[in-house]
Amino acid sequence: MKKYTLMLGAIILTSINVTACDVCGGFGGILPNEDKHSISIFYRYRAFKNQYYNGENAWFPDGGILKTAHSPAGNQNTSSYEIFRVAELRGRFLFHKKWDLVTSLPYTMNKEVVGDEQETVSGVGDFSFFVNRYWVNNKVDQRFKYRFSAGFGFKLPTGRNNFLSENGQRIGLYNQAGTGSLDYLIFGNMSLGYKKMGLMISSLMRVNNYNLYNERVAPISSINAMCFRKIKINRDWIIAPSFNGAYENTKGIQIGKNWQSGTSMKLLSCGAGLQVVWKNISFESQLFLPVYEPLGSNSQMSTIRIINGIVINI
């Protein structure tokens, strides 16, 4: 069996919230580091709530990772929450031994509940792609390996950004399926491996332009770190548990020259992950919980983020 070096990748087209929706975020995901093309399907869930939330389950305010239940009733200090569900089709194509192309097409399912009122948006999101070059890919010896890669890309305005609420008002930018703007992606990754242990640190910056409504999300930056261990079960099976951390930062939404209060984000989160490899198929999962998020940095506070996916190497 070929030796697998696991790359639980950067959160590139990752969710940021109200600053963690697909509109403001990016997620590059968990990709095996093999000399193969790959096609993958991922499902991502992210939830936020305000300080007055009075539901029974803060992690899954509307019932669960897949299902939806009735929203909680509001009170004088109105309870609210936001849910972002994304089904995503990704592709990784190697066109040179030092270059690859990664593509992402999401389908978004966003929901915002304020008291007894709710708004939902479903539709194709913004198509993203980036080109990645491997600047270093060396083996110091059979036990120690290191690698650095960097790339750039674009997020195209393929998703709708003009969804309306029941009263005919345009829904806020964070809850739209797309930004309506051409945005730029810059990505870097460093990975180290010693025997069966590995460490990966990646960063992503997204620079956003204005859309036709003269609004944009401020530049978004994220840093992700992952420490993992490869465990070979037999010839066909490998598992890799991991401990993960992430930091996300954005100043929020800007309309014209004015910054909108309650839309910024500074979030440090930690969690665990697991990758199970069977021959050329990989099953992957990550879970993140907030560790530090300054009160008042956002009108909605992060509760949980879950990422599940299947990758088929070709």
C-alpha atoms as a PDB file:
ATOM      1  CA  MET A   1       0.000   0.000   0.000  1.00  0.00           C
ATOM      2  CA  LYS A   2       1.247   3.469  -0.815  1.00  0.00           C
ATOM      3  CA  LYS A   3       2.320   5.549   2.133  1.00  0.00           C
ATOM      4  CA  TYR A   4      -0.210   8.240   3.011  1.00  0.00           C
ATOM      5  CA  THR A   5       0.826  11.633   4.318  1.00  0.00           C
ATOM      6  CA  LEU A   6      -2.338  13.212   5.661  1.00  0.00           C
ATOM      7  CA  MET A   7      -3.061  16.851   5.030  1.00  0.00           C
ATOM      8  CA  LEU A   8      -5.984  18.046   7.047  1.00  0.00           C
ATOM      9  CA  GLY A   9      -5.964  21.292   5.261  1.00  0.00           C
ATOM     10  CA  ALA A  10      -6.611  24.821   5.827  1.00  0.00           C
ATOM     11  CA  ILE A  11      -9.916  26.261   6.408  1.00  0.00           C
ATOM     12  CA  ILE A  12      -9.995  28.003   3.201  1.00  0.00           C
ATOM     13  CA  LEU A  13     -13.309  28.659   2.248  1.00  0.00           C
ATOM     14  CA  THR A  14     -14.312  28.362   5.987  1.00  0.00           C
ATOM     15  CA  SER A  15     -17.127  29.768   7.641  1.00  0.00           C
ATOM     16  CA  ILE A  16     -16.835  32.765   9.741  1.00  0.00           C
ATOM     17  CA  ASN A  17     -20.104  33.666  11.251  1.00  0.00           C
ATOM     18  CA  VAL A  18     -22.628  35.906  10.683  1.00  0.00           C
ATOM     19  CA  THR A  19     -19.063  36.239  10.038  1.00  0.00           C
ATOM     20  CA  ALA A  20     -18.880  32.599   9.510  1.00  0.00           C
ATOM     21  CA  CYS A  21     -21.097  31.967   6.665  1.00  0.00           C
ATOM     22  CA  ASP A  22     -19.838  31.144   3.201  1.00  0.00           C
ATOM     23  CA  VAL A  23     -20.382  34.776   2.228  1.00  0.00           C
ATOM     24  CA  CYS A  24     -17.674  36.033   4.522  1.00  0.00           C
ATOM     25  CA  GLY A  25     -15.593  32.947   4.989  1.00  0.00           C
ATOM     26  CA  GLY A  26     -13.779  30.355   3.009  1.00  0.00           C
ATOM     27  CA  PHE A  27     -13.031  26.698   3.294  1.00  0.00           C
ATOM     28  CA  GLY A  28     -10.182  24.755   1.786  1.00  0.00           C
ATOM     29  CA  GLY A  29     -10.737  21.719   3.859  1.00  0.00           C
ATOM     30  CA  ILE A  30      -9.088  18.420   4.533  1.00  0.00           C
ATOM     31  CA  LEU A  31      -7.128  17.027   1.608  1.00  0.00           C
ATOM     32  CA  PRO A  32      -4.897  13.930   1.492  1.00  0.00           C
ATOM     33  CA  ASN A  33      -1.395  14.781   0.298  1.00  0.00           C
ATOM     34  CA  GLU A  34      -0.988  12.263  -2.481  1.00  0.00           C
ATOM     35  CA  ASP A  35       0.108  12.418  -6.094  1.00  0.00           C
ATOM     36  CA  LYS A  36      -3.472  11.864  -7.222  1.00  0.00           C
ATOM     37  CA  HIS A  37      -6.448  13.837  -8.391  1.00  0.00           C
ATOM     38  CA  SER A  38      -9.413  13.805  -6.045  1.00  0.00           C
ATOM     39  CA  ILE A  39     -13.137  14.497  -5.951  1.00  0.00           C
ATOM     40  CA  SER A  40     -14.832  15.105  -2.618  1.00  0.00           C
ATOM     41  CA  ILE A  41     -18.164  15.961  -1.035  1.00  0.00           C
ATOM     42  CA  PHE A  42     -18.290  17.855   2.256  1.00  0.00           C
ATOM     43  CA  TYR A  43     -21.077  18.863   4.597  1.00  0.00           C
ATOM     44  CA  ARG A  44     -20.455  21.778   6.960  1.00  0.00           C
ATOM     45  CA  TYR A  45     -22.539  23.005   9.861  1.00  0.00           C
ATOM     46  CA  ARG A  46     -22.065  26.183  11.894  1.00  0.00           C
ATOM     47  CA  ALA A  47     -24.263  27.841  14.516  1.00  0.00           C
ATOM     48  CA  PHE A  48     -24.375  31.206  16.319  1.00  0.00           C
ATOM     49  CA  LYS A  49     -26.592  32.642  19.024  1.00  0.00           C
ATOM     50  CA  ASN A  50     -26.962  35.952  20.846  1.00  0.00           C
ATOM     51  CA  GLN A  51     -26.719  36.465  24.611  1.00  0.00           C
ATOM     52  CA  TYR A  52     -30.528  36.288  24.999  1.00  0.00           C
ATOM     53  CA  TYR A  53     -30.877  32.887  23.348  1.00  0.00           C
ATOM     54  CA  ASN A  54     -33.395  30.853  25.381  1.00  0.00           C
ATOM     55  CA  GLY A  55     -33.523  27.552  23.493  1.00  0.00           C
ATOM     56  CA  GLU A  56     -32.679  24.173  24.971  1.00  0.00           C
ATOM     57  CA  ASN A  57     -29.697  23.307  22.735  1.00  0.00           C
ATOM     58  CA  ALA A  58     -27.118  26.012  22.013  1.00  0.00           C
ATOM     59  CA  TRP A  59     -25.059  23.766  19.705  1.00  0.00           C
ATOM     60  CA  PHE A  60     -28.032  22.903  17.490  1.00  0.00           C
ATOM     61  CA  PRO A  61     -30.541  25.734  18.023  1.00  0.00           C
ATOM     62  CA  ASP A  62     -32.955  24.510  15.356  1.00  0.00           C
ATOM     63  CA  GLY A  63     -32.963  20.840  16.268  1.00  0.00           C
ATOM     64  CA  GLY A  64     -29.818  19.163  14.939  1.00  0.00           C
ATOM     65  CA  ILE A  65     -27.021  19.085  12.409  1.00  0.00           C
ATOM     66  CA  LEU A  66     -29.452  18.038   9.657  1.00  0.00           C
ATOM     67  CA  LYS A  67     -33.001  18.464  10.927  1.00  0.00           C
ATOM     68  CA  THR A  68     -34.950  21.610  11.765  1.00  0.00           C
ATOM     69  CA  ALA A  69     -37.317  22.182  14.703  1.00  0.00           C
ATOM     70  CA  HIS A  70     -39.495  25.125  15.736  1.00  0.00           C
ATOM     71  CA  SER A  71     -37.669  28.270  16.851  1.00  0.00           C
ATOM     72  CA  PRO A  72     -37.846  29.388  20.503  1.00  0.00           C
ATOM     73  CA  ALA A  73     -40.215  32.176  21.434  1.00  0.00           C
ATOM     74  CA  GLY A  74     -38.742  35.617  21.909  1.00  0.00           C
ATOM     75  CA  ASN A  75     -38.908  37.808  24.999  1.00  0.00           C
ATOM     76  CA  GLN A  76     -38.312  41.475  25.778  1.00  0.00           C
ATOM     77  CA  ASN A  77     -34.600  40.892  25.114  1.00  0.00           C
ATOM     78  CA  THR A  78     -35.158  39.003  21.877  1.00  0.00           C
ATOM     79  CA  SER A  79     -33.609  35.580  21.444  1.00  0.00           C
ATOM     80  CA  SER A  80     -31.899  35.015  18.100  1.00  0.00           C
ATOM     81  CA  TYR A  81     -29.619  32.539  16.350  1.00  0.00           C
ATOM     82  CA  GLU A  82     -28.160  31.809  12.941  1.00  0.00           C
ATOM     83  CA  ILE A  83     -27.469  28.482  11.237  1.00  0.00           C
ATOM     84  CA  PHE A  84     -25.241  27.909   8.201  1.00  0.00           C
ATOM     85  CA  ARG A  85     -25.369  24.533   6.455  1.00  0.00           C
ATOM     86  CA  VAL A  86     -23.289  23.940   3.349  1.00  0.00           C
ATOM     87  CA  ALA A  87     -23.041  20.964   1.002  1.00  0.00           C
ATOM     88  CA  GLU A  88     -19.891  21.353  -1.048  1.00  0.00           C
ATOM     89  CA  LEU A  89     -18.409  19.652  -4.104  1.00  0.00           C
ATOM     90  CA  ARG A  90     -14.644  19.937  -4.376  1.00  0.00           C
ATOM     91  CA  GLY A  91     -12.021  18.866  -6.869  1.00  0.00           C
ATOM     92  CA  ARG A  92      -8.243  18.689  -6.734  1.00  0.00           C
ATOM     93  CA  PHE A  93      -6.369  18.387 -10.032  1.00  0.00           C
ATOM     94  CA  LEU A  94      -2.592  17.967 -10.343  1.00  0.00           C
ATOM     95  CA  PHE A  95      -1.319  19.368 -13.615  1.00  0.00           C
ATOM     96  CA  HIS A  96       2.383  19.374 -12.639  1.00  0.00           C
ATOM     97  CA  LYS A  97       4.478  17.664  -9.973  1.00  0.00           C
ATOM     98  CA  LYS A  98       4.718  21.025  -8.138  1.00  0.00           C
ATOM     99  CA  TRP A  99       1.322  22.535  -9.003  1.00  0.00           C
ATOM    100  CA  ASP A 100      -2.306  21.697  -8.327  1.00  0.00           C
ATOM    101  CA  LEU A 101      -5.694  23.331  -8.829  1.00  0.00           C
ATOM    102  CA  VAL A 102      -8.386  23.173  -6.132  1.00  0.00           C
ATOM    103  CA  THR A 103     -12.017  24.032  -6.925  1.00  0.00           C
ATOM    104  CA  SER A 104     -15.083  24.403  -4.683  1.00  0.00           C
ATOM    105  CA  LEU A 105     -18.788  24.742  -5.474  1.00  0.00           C
ATOM    106  CA  PRO A 106     -21.034  25.117  -2.389  1.00  0.00           C
ATOM    107  CA  TYR A 107     -24.779  24.834  -1.969  1.00  0.00           C
ATOM    108  CA  THR A 108     -25.796  26.973   1.001  1.00  0.00           C
ATOM    109  CA  MET A 109     -28.725  26.594   3.403  1.00  0.00           C
ATOM    110  CA  ASN A 110     -28.783  29.610   5.739  1.00  0.00           C
ATOM    111  CA  LYS A 111     -31.279  30.393   8.466  1.00  0.00           C
ATOM    112  CA  GLU A 112     -31.736  33.347  10.812  1.00  0.00           C
ATOM    113  CA  VAL A 113     -34.294  33.355  13.644  1.00  0.00           C
ATOM    114  CA  VAL A 114     -35.163  36.460  15.672  1.00  0.00           C
ATOM    115  CA  GLY A 115     -37.878  35.780  18.247  1.00  0.00           C
ATOM    116  CA  ASP A 116     -40.721  34.107  16.340  1.00  0.00           C
ATOM    117  CA  GLU A 117     -39.614  35.403  12.942  1.00  0.00           C
ATOM    118  CA  GLN A 118     -37.264  33.549  10.678  1.00  0.00           C
ATOM    119  CA  GLU A 119     -35.607  33.988   7.298  1.00  0.00           C
ATOM    120  CA  THR A 120     -34.171  31.150   5.215  1.00  0.00           C
ATOM    121  CA  VAL A 121     -32.002  31.180   2.114  1.00  0.00           C
ATOM    122  CA  SER A 122     -31.034  28.199  -0.039  1.00  0.00           C
ATOM    123  CA  GLY A 123     -29.086  28.209  -3.265  1.00  0.00           C
ATOM    124  CA  VAL A 124     -25.816  27.719  -5.091  1.00  0.00           C
ATOM    125  CA  GLY A 125     -23.026  29.719  -3.463  1.00  0.00           C
ATOM    126  CA  ASP A 126     -19.905  31.360  -4.878  1.00  0.00           C
ATOM    127  CA  PHE A 127     -17.593  29.152  -6.938  1.00  0.00           C
ATOM    128  CA  SER A 128     -13.963  29.312  -5.758  1.00  0.00           C
ATOM    129  CA  PHE A 129     -10.698  28.058  -7.162  1.00  0.00           C
ATOM    130  CA  PHE A 130      -7.043  28.497  -6.352  1.00  0.00           C
ATOM    131  CA  VAL A 131      -3.709  27.366  -7.717  1.00  0.00           C
ATOM    132  CA  ASN A 132      -1.191  25.940  -5.270  1.00  0.00           C
ATOM    133  CA  ARG A 133       2.582  25.537  -5.716  1.00  0.00           C
ATOM    134  CA  TYR A 134       4.781  23.269  -3.590  1.00  0.00           C
ATOM    135  CA  TRP A 135       7.949  25.220  -2.933  1.00  0.00           C
ATOM    136  CA  VAL A 136       9.564  22.642  -0.658  1.00  0.00           C
ATOM    137  CA  ASN A 137       8.913  18.937  -0.500  1.00  0.00           C
ATOM    138  CA  ASN A 138      11.932  17.244   1.037  1.00  0.00           C
ATOM    139  CA  LYS A 139      12.825  14.290   3.191  1.00  0.00           C
ATOM    140  CA  VAL A 140      15.658  14.986   5.607  1.00  0.00           C
ATOM    141  CA  ASP A 141      15.715  11.269   6.308  1.00  0.00           C
ATOM    142  CA  GLN A 142      13.187   8.456   6.423  1.00  0.00           C
ATOM    143  CA  ARG A 143      11.759   9.774   9.703  1.00  0.00           C
ATOM    144  CA  PHE A 144      11.583  13.553   9.223  1.00  0.00           C
ATOM    145  CA  LYS A 145       9.757  15.367   6.417  1.00  0.00           C
ATOM    146  CA  TYR A 146       8.808  18.970   5.792  1.00  0.00           C
ATOM    147  CA  ARG A 147       6.934  20.900   3.127  1.00  0.00           C
ATOM    148  CA  PHE A 148       5.817  24.421   2.290  1.00  0.00           C
ATOM    149  CA  SER A 149       3.235  25.442  -0.273  1.00  0.00           C
ATOM    150  CA  ALA A 150       1.562  28.710  -1.245  1.00  0.00           C
ATOM    151  CA  GLY A 151      -1.124  29.710  -3.680  1.00  0.00           C
ATOM    152  CA  PHE A 152      -3.650  32.255  -4.825  1.00  0.00           C
ATOM    153  CA  GLY A 153      -7.130  32.141  -6.246  1.00  0.00           C
ATOM    154  CA  PHE A 154     -10.484  33.791  -6.802  1.00  0.00           C
ATOM    155  CA  LYS A 155     -14.045  33.540  -5.524  1.00  0.00           C
ATOM    156  CA  LEU A 156     -16.495  34.249  -8.319  1.00  0.00           C
ATOM    157  CA  PRO A 157     -19.930  35.888  -7.742  1.00  0.00           C
ATOM    158  CA  THR A 158     -21.984  32.892  -8.879  1.00  0.00           C
ATOM    159  CA  GLY A 159     -24.305  32.839  -5.843  1.00  0.00           C
ATOM    160  CA  ARG A 160     -27.355  35.078  -5.522  1.00  0.00           C
ATOM    161  CA  ASN A 161     -27.049  38.039  -3.166  1.00  0.00           C
ATOM    162  CA  ASN A 162     -30.517  39.558  -3.624  1.00  0.00           C
ATOM    163  CA  PHE A 163     -32.761  37.214  -1.621  1.00  0.00           C
ATOM    164  CA  LEU A 164     -35.711  39.016   0.002  1.00  0.00           C
ATOM    165  CA  SER A 165     -37.542  38.418   3.266  1.00  0.00           C
ATOM    166  CA  GLU A 166     -41.302  37.840   3.456  1.00  0.00           C
ATOM    167  CA  ASN A 167     -41.880  41.585   3.879  1.00  0.00           C
ATOM    168  CA  GLY A 168     -39.938  42.355   0.701  1.00  0.00           C
ATOM    169  CA  GLN A 169     -36.748  43.619   2.370  1.00  0.00           C
ATOM    170  CA  ARG A 170     -33.376  42.405   1.175  1.00  0.00           C
ATOM    171  CA  ILE A 171     -31.819  39.893   3.579  1.00  0.00           C
ATOM    172  CA  GLY A 172     -28.484  40.895   5.124  1.00  0.00           C
ATOM    173  CA  LEU A 173     -25.241  40.162   3.289  1.00  0.00           C
ATOM    174  CA  TYR A 174     -24.009  37.487   5.709  1.00  0.00           C
ATOM    175  CA  ASN A 175     -27.146  35.410   5.148  1.00  0.00           C
ATOM    176  CA  GLN A 176     -27.126  35.606   1.356  1.00  0.00           C
ATOM    177  CA  ALA A 177     -25.960  32.679  -0.776  1.00  0.00           C
ATOM    178  CA  GLY A 178     -23.174  34.787  -2.325  1.00  0.00           C
ATOM    179  CA  THR A 179     -21.363  38.097  -1.926  1.00  0.00           C
ATOM    180  CA  GLY A 180     -22.023  39.437  -5.417  1.00  0.00           C
ATOM    181  CA  SER A 181     -18.359  40.418  -5.724  1.00  0.00           C
ATOM    182  CA  LEU A 182     -15.114  39.076  -7.162  1.00  0.00           C
ATOM    183  CA  ASP A 183     -12.855  38.252  -4.206  1.00  0.00           C
ATOM    184  CA  TYR A 184      -9.195  37.255  -3.993  1.00  0.00           C
ATOM    185  CA  LEU A 185      -7.677  34.370  -2.013  1.00  0.00           C
ATOM    186  CA  ILE A 186      -4.082  34.038  -0.742  1.00  0.00           C
ATOM    187  CA  PHE A 187      -3.076  30.809   0.955  1.00  0.00           C
ATOM    188  CA  GLY A 188       0.032  29.345   2.628  1.00  0.00           C
ATOM    189  CA  ASN A 189       0.764  26.016   4.285  1.00  0.00           C
ATOM    190  CA  MET A 190       3.666  24.495   6.208  1.00  0.00           C
ATOM    191  CA  SER A 191       3.737  20.877   7.312  1.00  0.00           C
ATOM    192  CA  LEU A 192       6.234  18.862   9.365  1.00  0.00           C
ATOM    193  CA  GLY A 193       6.319  15.124   9.920  1.00  0.00           C
ATOM    194  CA  TYR A 194       8.388  13.005  12.255  1.00  0.00           C
ATOM    195  CA  LYS A 195       7.819   9.271  12.183  1.00  0.00           C
ATOM    196  CA  LYS A 196       4.044   8.897  12.730  1.00  0.00           C
ATOM    197  CA  MET A 197       3.448  12.402  14.112  1.00  0.00           C
ATOM    198  CA  GLY A 198       2.639  15.472  12.057  1.00  0.00           C
ATOM    199  CA  LEU A 199       2.100  19.208  12.468  1.00  0.00           C
ATOM    200  CA  MET A 200       0.468  21.494   9.924  1.00  0.00           C
ATOM    201  CA  ILE A 201       0.038  25.259  10.071  1.00  0.00           C
ATOM    202  CA  SER A 202      -1.899  27.072   7.352  1.00  0.00           C
ATOM    203  CA  SER A 203      -3.139  30.578   6.764  1.00  0.00           C
ATOM    204  CA  LEU A 204      -5.666  32.169   4.453  1.00  0.00           C
ATOM    205  CA  MET A 205      -6.462  35.758   3.568  1.00  0.00           C
ATOM    206  CA  ARG A 206      -9.469  36.793   1.527  1.00  0.00           C
ATOM    207  CA  VAL A 207      -9.676  40.290   0.079  1.00  0.00           C
ATOM    208  CA  ASN A 208     -13.241  41.261  -0.812  1.00  0.00           C
ATOM    209  CA  ASN A 209     -14.480  43.808  -3.320  1.00  0.00           C
ATOM    210  CA  TYR A 210     -17.683  45.859  -3.311  1.00  0.00           C
ATOM    211  CA  ASN A 211     -20.849  44.447  -4.875  1.00  0.00           C
ATOM    212  CA  LEU A 212     -23.638  46.274  -6.721  1.00  0.00           C
ATOM    213  CA  TYR A 213     -25.159  47.314  -3.383  1.00  0.00           C
ATOM    214  CA  ASN A 214     -21.916  49.181  -2.519  1.00  0.00           C
ATOM    215  CA  GLU A 215     -21.206  46.777   0.323  1.00  0.00           C
ATOM    216  CA  ARG A 216     -18.451  44.331   1.094  1.00  0.00           C
ATOM    217  CA  VAL A 217     -17.023  42.174   3.856  1.00  0.00           C
ATOM    218  CA  ALA A 218     -13.701  43.444   5.207  1.00  0.00           C
ATOM    219  CA  PRO A 219     -10.563  41.395   4.464  1.00  0.00           C
ATOM    220  CA  ILE A 220     -10.741  38.071   6.281  1.00  0.00           C
ATOM    221  CA  SER A 221      -7.721  36.307   7.739  1.00  0.00           C
ATOM    222  CA  SER A 222      -7.506  32.911   9.399  1.00  0.00           C
ATOM    223  CA  ILE A 223      -4.756  30.748  10.859  1.00  0.00           C
ATOM    224  CA  ASN A 224      -5.226  27.025  11.413  1.00  0.00           C
ATOM    225  CA  ALA A 225      -3.005  24.520  13.179  1.00  0.00           C
ATOM    226  CA  MET A 226      -3.317  20.762  13.419  1.00  0.00           C
ATOM    227  CA  CYS A 227      -1.309  18.128  15.227  1.00  0.00           C
ATOM    228  CA  PHE A 228      -2.036  14.548  14.120  1.00  0.00           C
ATOM    229  CA  ARG A 229      -0.810  10.980  14.462  1.00  0.00           C
ATOM    230  CA  LYS A 230      -0.967   8.346  11.726  1.00  0.00           C
ATOM    231  CA  ILE A 231      -1.951   4.859  12.831  1.00  0.00           C
ATOM    232  CA  LYS A 232      -1.634   2.068  10.274  1.00  0.00           C
ATOM    233  CA  ILE A 233      -4.160  -0.673  10.981  1.00  0.00           C
ATOM    234  CA  ASN A 234      -3.254  -2.975   8.092  1.00  0.00           C
ATOM    235  CA  ARG A 235      -2.433  -2.834   4.397  1.00  0.00           C
ATOM    236  CA  ASP A 236      -5.641  -1.030   3.443  1.00  0.00           C
ATOM    237  CA  TRP A 237      -6.605   0.968   6.532  1.00  0.00           C
ATOM    238  CA  ILE A 238      -5.047   4.055   8.147  1.00  0.00           C
ATOM    239  CA  ILE A 239      -6.580   6.334  10.776  1.00  0.00           C
ATOM    240  CA  ALA A 240      -5.318   9.729  11.886  1.00  0.00           C
ATOM    241  CA  PRO A 241      -6.778  11.422  14.987  1.00  0.00           C
ATOM    242  CA  SER A 242      -5.887  15.096  15.379  1.00  0.00           C
ATOM    243  CA  PHE A 243      -6.088  18.098  17.675  1.00  0.00           C
ATOM    244  CA  ASN A 244      -6.978  21.299  15.843  1.00  0.00           C
ATOM    245  CA  GLY A 245      -6.989  25.023  16.514  1.00  0.00           C
ATOM    246  CA  ALA A 246      -8.174  28.001  14.457  1.00  0.00           C
ATOM    247  CA  TYR A 247      -8.216  31.792  14.685  1.00  0.00           C
ATOM    248  CA  GLU A 248     -10.497  33.956  12.492  1.00  0.00           C
ATOM    249  CA  ASN A 249     -10.584  37.723  12.200  1.00  0.00           C
ATOM    250  CA  THR A 250     -12.546  40.249  10.157  1.00  0.00           C
ATOM    251  CA  LYS A 251     -13.606  43.833  10.740  1.00  0.00           C
ATOM    252  CA  GLY A 252     -17.094  43.081   9.420  1.00  0.00           C
ATOM    253  CA  ILE A 253     -19.386  44.558   6.774  1.00  0.00           C
ATOM    254  CA  GLN A 254     -18.695  47.911   5.149  1.00  0.00           C
ATOM    255  CA  ILE A 255     -21.414  49.810   3.276  1.00  0.00           C
ATOM    256  CA  GLY A 256     -19.838  52.643   1.376  1.00  0.00           C
ATOM    257  CA  LYS A 257     -17.304  54.010   3.854  1.00  0.00           C
ATOM    258  CA  ASN A 258     -19.342  53.068   6.926  1.00  0.00           C
ATOM    259  CA  TRP A 259     -18.618  50.019   9.061  1.00  0.00           C
ATOM    260  CA  GLN A 260     -21.674  48.156  10.367  1.00  0.00           C
ATOM    261  CA  SER A 261     -21.672  47.534  14.108  1.00  0.00           C
ATOM    262  CA  GLY A 262     -22.066  43.969  15.357  1.00  0.00           C
ATOM    263  CA  THR A 263     -20.593  42.392  12.209  1.00  0.00           C
ATOM    264  CA  SER A 264     -16.928  42.040  13.159  1.00  0.00           C
ATOM    265  CA  MET A 265     -15.382  38.803  14.366  1.00  0.00           C
ATOM    266  CA  LYS A 266     -12.413  37.674  16.445  1.00  0.00           C
ATOM    267  CA  LEU A 267     -12.646  33.991  17.293  1.00  0.00           C
ATOM    268  CA  LEU A 268     -10.220  31.435  18.680  1.00  0.00           C
ATOM    269  CA  SER A 269     -11.535  27.863  18.536  1.00  0.00           C
ATOM    270  CA  CYS A 270     -10.161  24.388  19.244  1.00  0.00           C
ATOM    271  CA  GLY A 271     -11.338  20.894  18.560  1.00  0.00           C
ATOM    272  CA  ALA A 272     -10.594  17.391  17.375  1.00  0.00           C
ATOM    273  CA  GLY A 273     -10.618  15.589  14.074  1.00  0.00           C
ATOM    274  CA  LEU A 274     -10.412  12.119  12.605  1.00  0.00           C
ATOM    275  CA  GLN A 275      -9.434  10.875   9.165  1.00  0.00           C
ATOM    276  CA  VAL A 276     -10.067   7.245   8.167  1.00  0.00           C
ATOM    277  CA  VAL A 277      -8.400   6.075   4.939  1.00  0.00           C
ATOM    278  CA  TRP A 278      -9.446   2.896   3.144  1.00  0.00           C
ATOM    279  CA  LYS A 279      -7.451   2.296  -0.039  1.00  0.00           C
ATOM    280  CA  ASN A 280      -8.224   5.360  -2.204  1.00  0.00           C
ATOM    281  CA  ILE A 281     -11.200   6.613  -0.153  1.00  0.00           C
ATOM    282  CA  SER A 282     -10.926   8.929   2.834  1.00  0.00           C
ATOM    283  CA  PHE A 283     -13.622   9.680   5.431  1.00  0.00           C
ATOM    284  CA  GLU A 284     -12.946  12.892   7.327  1.00  0.00           C
ATOM    285  CA  SER A 285     -14.503  14.773  10.237  1.00  0.00           C
ATOM    286  CA  GLN A 286     -13.645  17.810  12.379  1.00  0.00           C
ATOM    287  CA  LEU A 287     -15.368  19.532  15.290  1.00  0.00           C
ATOM    288  CA  PHE A 288     -14.540  23.004  16.661  1.00  0.00           C
ATOM    289  CA  LEU A 289     -15.749  24.753  19.816  1.00  0.00           C
ATOM    290  CA  PRO A 290     -15.097  28.414  20.726  1.00  0.00           C
ATOM    291  CA  VAL A 291     -12.330  29.083  23.243  1.00  0.00           C
ATOM    292  CA  TYR A 292     -12.108  32.872  23.167  1.00  0.00           C
ATOM    293  CA  GLU A 293     -14.425  35.405  21.511  1.00  0.00           C
ATOM    294  CA  PRO A 294     -14.511  38.940  22.953  1.00  0.00           C
ATOM    295  CA  LEU A 295     -17.999  39.943  24.056  1.00  0.00           C
ATOM    296  CA  GLY A 296     -19.340  42.582  21.716  1.00  0.00           C
ATOM    297  CA  SER A 297     -17.056  41.674  18.800  1.00  0.00           C
ATOM    298  CA  ASN A 298     -20.145  40.325  17.091  1.00  0.00           C
ATOM    299  CA  SER A 299     -23.885  40.438  17.661  1.00  0.00           C
ATOM    300  CA  GLN A 300     -23.905  36.635  17.362  1.00  0.00           C
ATOM    301  CA  MET A 301     -21.466  34.388  19.222  1.00  0.00           C
ATOM    302  CA  SER A 302     -20.145  31.118  17.822  1.00  0.00           C
ATOM    303  CA  THR A 303     -21.385  27.837  19.344  1.00  0.00           C
ATOM    304  CA  ILE A 304     -20.054  24.943  17.237  1.00  0.00           C
ATOM    305  CA  ARG A 305     -18.609  24.119  13.833  1.00  0.00           C
ATOM    306  CA  ILE A 306     -18.711  20.612  12.294  1.00  0.00           C
ATOM    307  CA  ILE A 307     -17.137  19.423   9.046  1.00  0.00           C
ATOM    308  CA  ASN A 308     -17.710  15.970   7.513  1.00  0.00           C
ATOM    309  CA  GLY A 309     -16.549  14.725   4.151  1.00  0.00           C
ATOM    310  CA  ILE A 310     -15.695  11.885   1.776  1.00  0.00           C
ATOM    311  CA  VAL A 311     -12.695  12.137  -0.571  1.00  0.00           C
ATOM    312  CA  ILE A 312     -12.119   9.804  -3.506  1.00  0.00           C
ATOM    313  CA  ASN A 313      -8.598   9.789  -4.954  1.00  0.00           C
ATOM    314  CA  ILE A 314      -8.352   9.049  -8.652  1.00  0.00           C
END
